């Protein structure tokens, strides 16, 4: 059995404004269903996480520190 791809960095704090995990950028629903998603679904979600955490030009959302 192969390992499940995951963006988790073990910083599990949900931002109250964006409702995203400040560590990985996933929603609570995505986190809860992660093991049920196909690998393709997980990869598609992971492709959006950087933009969720670092929205362009003044957008709302948690910022991951560099």
PDB file of N, CA and C in Angstrom:
ATOM      1  N   UNK A   1       0.844  -1.178   0.000  1.00  0.00           N
ATOM      2  CA  UNK A   1       0.000   0.000   0.000  1.00  0.00           C
ATOM      3  C   UNK A   1       0.890   1.242   0.000  1.00  0.00           C
ATOM      4  N   UNK A   2       0.603   2.173  -0.864  1.00  0.00           N
ATOM      5  CA  UNK A   2       1.421   3.383  -0.954  1.00  0.00           C
ATOM      6  C   UNK A   2       0.889   4.454  -0.002  1.00  0.00           C
ATOM      7  N   UNK A   3       1.756   5.382   0.347  1.00  0.00           N
ATOM      8  CA  UNK A   3       1.385   6.468   1.254  1.00  0.00           C
ATOM      9  C   UNK A   3       0.436   7.443   0.552  1.00  0.00           C
ATOM     10  N   UNK A   4      -0.432   8.026   1.327  1.00  0.00           N
ATOM     11  CA  UNK A   4      -1.369   9.022   0.799  1.00  0.00           C
ATOM     12  C   UNK A   4      -0.663  10.366   0.745  1.00  0.00           C
ATOM     13  N   UNK A   5      -0.736  11.050  -0.384  1.00  0.00           N
ATOM     14  CA  UNK A   5      -0.175  12.395  -0.506  1.00  0.00           C
ATOM     15  C   UNK A   5      -0.924  13.323   0.437  1.00  0.00           C
ATOM     16  N   UNK A   6      -0.175  14.165   1.130  1.00  0.00           N
ATOM     17  CA  UNK A   6      -0.797  15.096   2.065  1.00  0.00           C
ATOM     18  C   UNK A   6       0.038  16.367   2.172  1.00  0.00           C
ATOM     19  N   UNK A   7      -0.642  17.521   2.245  1.00  0.00           N
ATOM     20  CA  UNK A   7       0.068  18.785   2.424  1.00  0.00           C
ATOM     21  C   UNK A   7       0.267  19.134   3.900  1.00  0.00           C
ATOM     22  N   UNK A   8      -0.173  18.276   4.806  1.00  0.00           N
ATOM     23  CA  UNK A   8      -0.135  18.574   6.241  1.00  0.00           C
ATOM     24  C   UNK A   8       1.297  18.834   6.709  1.00  0.00           C
ATOM     25  N   UNK A   9       1.469  19.949   7.432  1.00  0.00           N
ATOM     26  CA  UNK A   9       2.766  20.271   8.019  1.00  0.00           C
ATOM     27  C   UNK A   9       2.661  20.290   9.545  1.00  0.00           C
ATOM     28  N   UNK A  10       1.580  19.721  10.064  1.00  0.00           N
ATOM     29  CA  UNK A  10       1.337  19.583  11.502  1.00  0.00           C
ATOM     30  C   UNK A  10       1.230  20.927  12.219  1.00  0.00           C
ATOM     31  N   UNK A  11       0.669  21.919  11.521  1.00  0.00           N
ATOM     32  CA  UNK A  11       0.312  23.209  12.103  1.00  0.00           C
ATOM     33  C   UNK A  11      -1.197  23.321  11.891  1.00  0.00           C
ATOM     34  N   UNK A  12      -1.940  22.689  12.776  1.00  0.00           N
ATOM     35  CA  UNK A  12      -3.392  22.538  12.586  1.00  0.00           C
ATOM     36  C   UNK A  12      -4.142  23.619  13.347  1.00  0.00           C
ATOM     37  N   UNK A  13      -4.284  24.780  12.695  1.00  0.00           N
ATOM     38  CA  UNK A  13      -4.999  25.915  13.256  1.00  0.00           C
ATOM     39  C   UNK A  13      -5.924  26.444  12.170  1.00  0.00           C
ATOM     40  N   UNK A  14      -7.221  26.503  12.465  1.00  0.00           N
ATOM     41  CA  UNK A  14      -8.185  26.987  11.480  1.00  0.00           C
ATOM     42  C   UNK A  14      -8.350  28.495  11.633  1.00  0.00           C
ATOM     43  N   UNK A  15      -8.115  29.223  10.550  1.00  0.00           N
ATOM     44  CA  UNK A  15      -8.299  30.663  10.526  1.00  0.00           C
ATOM     45  C   UNK A  15      -9.797  30.951  10.557  1.00  0.00           C
ATOM     46  N   UNK A  16     -10.292  31.734  11.552  1.00  0.00           N
ATOM     47  CA  UNK A  16     -11.734  31.960  11.651  1.00  0.00           C
ATOM     48  C   UNK A  16     -12.325  32.749  10.480  1.00  0.00           C
ATOM     49  N   UNK A  17     -11.549  33.603   9.850  1.00  0.00           N
ATOM     50  CA  UNK A  17     -12.067  34.403   8.739  1.00  0.00           C
ATOM     51  C   UNK A  17     -12.170  33.586   7.451  1.00  0.00           C
ATOM     52  N   UNK A  18     -11.112  32.899   7.098  1.00  0.00           N
ATOM     53  CA  UNK A  18     -11.104  32.155   5.830  1.00  0.00           C
ATOM     54  C   UNK A  18     -11.614  30.730   5.992  1.00  0.00           C
ATOM     55  N   UNK A  19     -11.593  30.213   7.230  1.00  0.00           N
ATOM     56  CA  UNK A  19     -11.987  28.839   7.543  1.00  0.00           C
ATOM     57  C   UNK A  19     -11.055  27.825   6.886  1.00  0.00           C
ATOM     58  N   UNK A  20      -9.801  28.228   6.696  1.00  0.00           N
ATOM     59  CA  UNK A  20      -8.768  27.354   6.146  1.00  0.00           C
ATOM     60  C   UNK A  20      -7.747  27.040   7.227  1.00  0.00           C
ATOM     61  N   UNK A  21      -7.150  25.867   7.138  1.00  0.00           N
ATOM     62  CA  UNK A  21      -6.052  25.528   8.033  1.00  0.00           C
ATOM     63  C   UNK A  21      -4.883  26.439   7.694  1.00  0.00           C
ATOM     64  N   UNK A  22      -4.311  27.067   8.701  1.00  0.00           N
ATOM     65  CA  UNK A  22      -3.191  27.982   8.470  1.00  0.00           C
ATOM     66  C   UNK A  22      -1.913  27.235   8.111  1.00  0.00           C
ATOM     67  N   UNK A  23      -1.848  25.960   8.420  1.00  0.00           N
ATOM     68  CA  UNK A  23      -0.673  25.174   8.080  1.00  0.00           C
ATOM     69  C   UNK A  23      -0.681  24.687   6.646  1.00  0.00           C
ATOM     70  N   UNK A  24      -1.819  24.099   6.223  1.00  0.00           N
ATOM     71  CA  UNK A  24      -1.844  23.469   4.900  1.00  0.00           C
ATOM     72  C   UNK A  24      -2.785  24.128   3.900  1.00  0.00           C
ATOM     73  N   UNK A  25      -3.747  24.909   4.371  1.00  0.00           N
ATOM     74  CA  UNK A  25      -4.657  25.599   3.457  1.00  0.00           C
ATOM     75  C   UNK A  25      -5.931  24.844   3.125  1.00  0.00           C
ATOM     76  N   UNK A  26      -6.099  23.654   3.701  1.00  0.00           N
ATOM     77  CA  UNK A  26      -7.316  22.889   3.415  1.00  0.00           C
ATOM     78  C   UNK A  26      -8.473  23.347   4.302  1.00  0.00           C
ATOM     79  N   UNK A  27      -9.690  23.068   3.839  1.00  0.00           N
ATOM     80  CA  UNK A  27     -10.881  23.310   4.644  1.00  0.00           C
ATOM     81  C   UNK A  27     -11.055  22.142   5.607  1.00  0.00           C
ATOM     82  N   UNK A  28     -11.884  22.339   6.625  1.00  0.00           N
ATOM     83  CA  UNK A  28     -12.170  21.241   7.553  1.00  0.00           C
ATOM     84  C   UNK A  28     -12.793  20.055   6.819  1.00  0.00           C
ATOM     85  N   UNK A  29     -13.663  20.333   5.854  1.00  0.00           N
ATOM     86  CA  UNK A  29     -14.295  19.256   5.081  1.00  0.00           C
ATOM     87  C   UNK A  29     -13.243  18.478   4.288  1.00  0.00           C
ATOM     88  N   UNK A  30     -12.309  19.181   3.661  1.00  0.00           N
ATOM     89  CA  UNK A  30     -11.245  18.501   2.917  1.00  0.00           C
ATOM     90  C   UNK A  30     -10.388  17.652   3.841  1.00  0.00           C
ATOM     91  N   UNK A  31     -10.061  18.192   5.019  1.00  0.00           N
ATOM     92  CA  UNK A  31      -9.248  17.439   5.967  1.00  0.00           C
ATOM     93  C   UNK A  31      -9.979  16.168   6.387  1.00  0.00           C
ATOM     94  N   UNK A  32     -11.270  16.295   6.719  1.00  0.00           N
ATOM     95  CA  UNK A  32     -12.059  15.158   7.179  1.00  0.00           C
ATOM     96  C   UNK A  32     -12.201  14.077   6.110  1.00  0.00           C
ATOM     97  N   UNK A  33     -12.298  14.475   4.852  1.00  0.00           N
ATOM     98  CA  UNK A  33     -12.531  13.522   3.766  1.00  0.00           C
ATOM     99  C   UNK A  33     -11.256  13.104   3.037  1.00  0.00           C
ATOM    100  N   UNK A  34     -10.108  13.603   3.468  1.00  0.00           N
ATOM    101  CA  UNK A  34      -8.861  13.426   2.729  1.00  0.00           C
ATOM    102  C   UNK A  34      -8.580  11.976   2.352  1.00  0.00           C
ATOM    103  N   UNK A  35      -8.738  11.067   3.279  1.00  0.00           N
ATOM    104  CA  UNK A  35      -8.404   9.666   2.984  1.00  0.00           C
ATOM    105  C   UNK A  35      -9.397   9.017   2.024  1.00  0.00           C
ATOM    106  N   UNK A  36     -10.552   9.623   1.839  1.00  0.00           N
ATOM    107  CA  UNK A  36     -11.554   9.088   0.906  1.00  0.00           C
ATOM    108  C   UNK A  36     -11.382   9.611  -0.515  1.00  0.00           C
ATOM    109  N   UNK A  37     -10.635  10.703  -0.678  1.00  0.00           N
ATOM    110  CA  UNK A  37     -10.409  11.252  -2.008  1.00  0.00           C
ATOM    111  C   UNK A  37      -9.475  10.347  -2.797  1.00  0.00           C
ATOM    112  N   UNK A  38      -9.636  10.366  -4.106  1.00  0.00           N
ATOM    113  CA  UNK A  38      -8.680   9.657  -4.963  1.00  0.00           C
ATOM    114  C   UNK A  38      -7.376  10.453  -4.979  1.00  0.00           C
ATOM    115  N   UNK A  39      -6.322   9.817  -5.422  1.00  0.00           N
ATOM    116  CA  UNK A  39      -5.035  10.520  -5.520  1.00  0.00           C
ATOM    117  C   UNK A  39      -5.156  11.719  -6.452  1.00  0.00           C
ATOM    118  N   UNK A  40      -5.895  11.577  -7.550  1.00  0.00           N
ATOM    119  CA  UNK A  40      -6.083  12.688  -8.484  1.00  0.00           C
ATOM    120  C   UNK A  40      -6.807  13.851  -7.809  1.00  0.00           C
ATOM    121  N   UNK A  41      -7.810  13.553  -6.988  1.00  0.00           N
ATOM    122  CA  UNK A  41      -8.529  14.611  -6.270  1.00  0.00           C
ATOM    123  C   UNK A  41      -7.613  15.299  -5.265  1.00  0.00           C
ATOM    124  N   UNK A  42      -6.814  14.523  -4.549  1.00  0.00           N
ATOM    125  CA  UNK A  42      -5.878  15.110  -3.581  1.00  0.00           C
ATOM    126  C   UNK A  42      -4.872  16.018  -4.287  1.00  0.00           C
ATOM    127  N   UNK A  43      -4.330  15.564  -5.405  1.00  0.00           N
ATOM    128  CA  UNK A  43      -3.353  16.371  -6.151  1.00  0.00           C
ATOM    129  C   UNK A  43      -3.983  17.654  -6.681  1.00  0.00           C
ATOM    130  N   UNK A  44      -5.236  17.575  -7.128  1.00  0.00           N
ATOM    131  CA  UNK A  44      -5.929  18.767  -7.632  1.00  0.00           C
ATOM    132  C   UNK A  44      -6.128  19.789  -6.512  1.00  0.00           C
ATOM    133  N   UNK A  45      -6.501  19.326  -5.331  1.00  0.00           N
ATOM    134  CA  UNK A  45      -6.660  20.229  -4.186  1.00  0.00           C
ATOM    135  C   UNK A  45      -5.308  20.817  -3.802  1.00  0.00           C
ATOM    136  N   UNK A  46      -4.291  19.967  -3.727  1.00  0.00           N
ATOM    137  CA  UNK A  46      -2.961  20.448  -3.331  1.00  0.00           C
ATOM    138  C   UNK A  46      -2.433  21.500  -4.299  1.00  0.00           C
ATOM    139  N   UNK A  47      -2.833  21.441  -5.562  1.00  0.00           N
ATOM    140  CA  UNK A  47      -2.381  22.427  -6.550  1.00  0.00           C
ATOM    141  C   UNK A  47      -2.951  23.817  -6.264  1.00  0.00           C
ATOM    142  N   UNK A  48      -4.023  23.900  -5.475  1.00  0.00           N
ATOM    143  CA  UNK A  48      -4.647  25.194  -5.175  1.00  0.00           C
ATOM    144  C   UNK A  48      -4.208  25.787  -3.839  1.00  0.00           C
ATOM    145  N   UNK A  49      -3.499  25.020  -3.027  1.00  0.00           N
ATOM    146  CA  UNK A  49      -3.245  25.429  -1.646  1.00  0.00           C
ATOM    147  C   UNK A  49      -2.333  26.641  -1.510  1.00  0.00           C
ATOM    148  N   UNK A  50      -1.305  26.750  -2.324  1.00  0.00           N
ATOM    149  CA  UNK A  50      -0.407  27.899  -2.221  1.00  0.00           C
ATOM    150  C   UNK A  50      -1.164  29.202  -2.464  1.00  0.00           C
ATOM    151  N   UNK A  51      -2.029  29.209  -3.460  1.00  0.00           N
ATOM    152  CA  UNK A  51      -2.797  30.421  -3.752  1.00  0.00           C
ATOM    153  C   UNK A  51      -3.813  30.707  -2.641  1.00  0.00           C
ATOM    154  N   UNK A  52      -4.371  29.658  -2.051  1.00  0.00           N
ATOM    155  CA  UNK A  52      -5.290  29.862  -0.925  1.00  0.00           C
ATOM    156  C   UNK A  52      -4.577  30.527   0.244  1.00  0.00           C
ATOM    157  N   UNK A  53      -3.375  30.078   0.533  1.00  0.00           N
ATOM    158  CA  UNK A  53      -2.629  30.605   1.672  1.00  0.00           C
ATOM    159  C   UNK A  53      -1.957  31.931   1.368  1.00  0.00           C
ATOM    160  N   UNK A  54      -1.698  32.195   0.120  1.00  0.00           N
ATOM    161  CA  UNK A  54      -1.002  33.419  -0.300  1.00  0.00           C
ATOM    162  C   UNK A  54      -1.752  34.074  -1.451  1.00  0.00           C
ATOM    163  N   UNK A  55      -2.974  34.582  -1.172  1.00  0.00           N
ATOM    164  CA  UNK A  55      -3.760  35.172  -2.255  1.00  0.00           C
ATOM    165  C   UNK A  55      -3.068  36.400  -2.847  1.00  0.00           C
ATOM    166  N   UNK A  56      -3.225  36.622  -4.145  1.00  0.00           N
ATOM    167  CA  UNK A  56      -2.569  37.759  -4.785  1.00  0.00           C
ATOM    168  C   UNK A  56      -3.183  39.094  -4.360  1.00  0.00           C
ATOM    169  N   UNK A  57      -2.342  40.089  -4.188  1.00  0.00           N
ATOM    170  CA  UNK A  57      -2.718  41.499  -4.005  1.00  0.00           C
ATOM    171  C   UNK A  57      -3.910  41.762  -3.093  1.00  0.00           C
ATOM    172  N   UNK A  58      -3.683  41.632  -1.820  1.00  0.00           N
ATOM    173  CA  UNK A  58      -4.671  42.071  -0.846  1.00  0.00           C
ATOM    174  C   UNK A  58      -5.887  41.186  -0.679  1.00  0.00           C
ATOM    175  N   UNK A  59      -5.869  39.985  -1.245  1.00  0.00           N
ATOM    176  CA  UNK A  59      -6.993  39.086  -1.049  1.00  0.00           C
ATOM    177  C   UNK A  59      -7.064  38.610   0.385  1.00  0.00           C
ATOM    178  N   UNK A  60      -8.184  38.059   0.764  1.00  0.00           N
ATOM    179  CA  UNK A  60      -8.362  37.567   2.122  1.00  0.00           C
ATOM    180  C   UNK A  60      -7.857  36.138   2.228  1.00  0.00           C
ATOM    181  N   UNK A  61      -7.299  35.814   3.371  1.00  0.00           N
ATOM    182  CA  UNK A  61      -6.835  34.455   3.614  1.00  0.00           C
ATOM    183  C   UNK A  61      -5.627  34.472   4.520  1.00  0.00           C
ATOM    184  N   UNK A  62      -5.371  33.348   5.155  1.00  0.00           N
ATOM    185  CA  UNK A  62      -4.213  33.280   6.037  1.00  0.00           C
ATOM    186  C   UNK A  62      -2.923  33.302   5.229  1.00  0.00           C
ATOM    187  N   UNK A  63      -1.883  33.832   5.812  1.00  0.00           N
ATOM    188  CA  UNK A  63      -0.587  33.889   5.148  1.00  0.00           C
ATOM    189  C   UNK A  63       0.345  32.911   5.845  1.00  0.00           C
ATOM    190  N   UNK A  64       1.000  32.087   5.072  1.00  0.00           N
ATOM    191  CA  UNK A  64       2.005  31.187   5.631  1.00  0.00           C
ATOM    192  C   UNK A  64       3.314  31.943   5.708  1.00  0.00           C
ATOM    193  N   UNK A  65       3.940  31.943   6.882  1.00  0.00           N
ATOM    194  CA  UNK A  65       5.208  32.655   7.006  1.00  0.00           C
ATOM    195  C   UNK A  65       6.308  31.941   6.254  1.00  0.00           C
ATOM    196  N   UNK A  66       7.199  32.726   5.686  1.00  0.00           N
ATOM    197  CA  UNK A  66       8.288  32.175   4.877  1.00  0.00           C
ATOM    198  C   UNK A  66       9.402  31.629   5.724  1.00  0.00           C
TER     199      UNK A  66
END
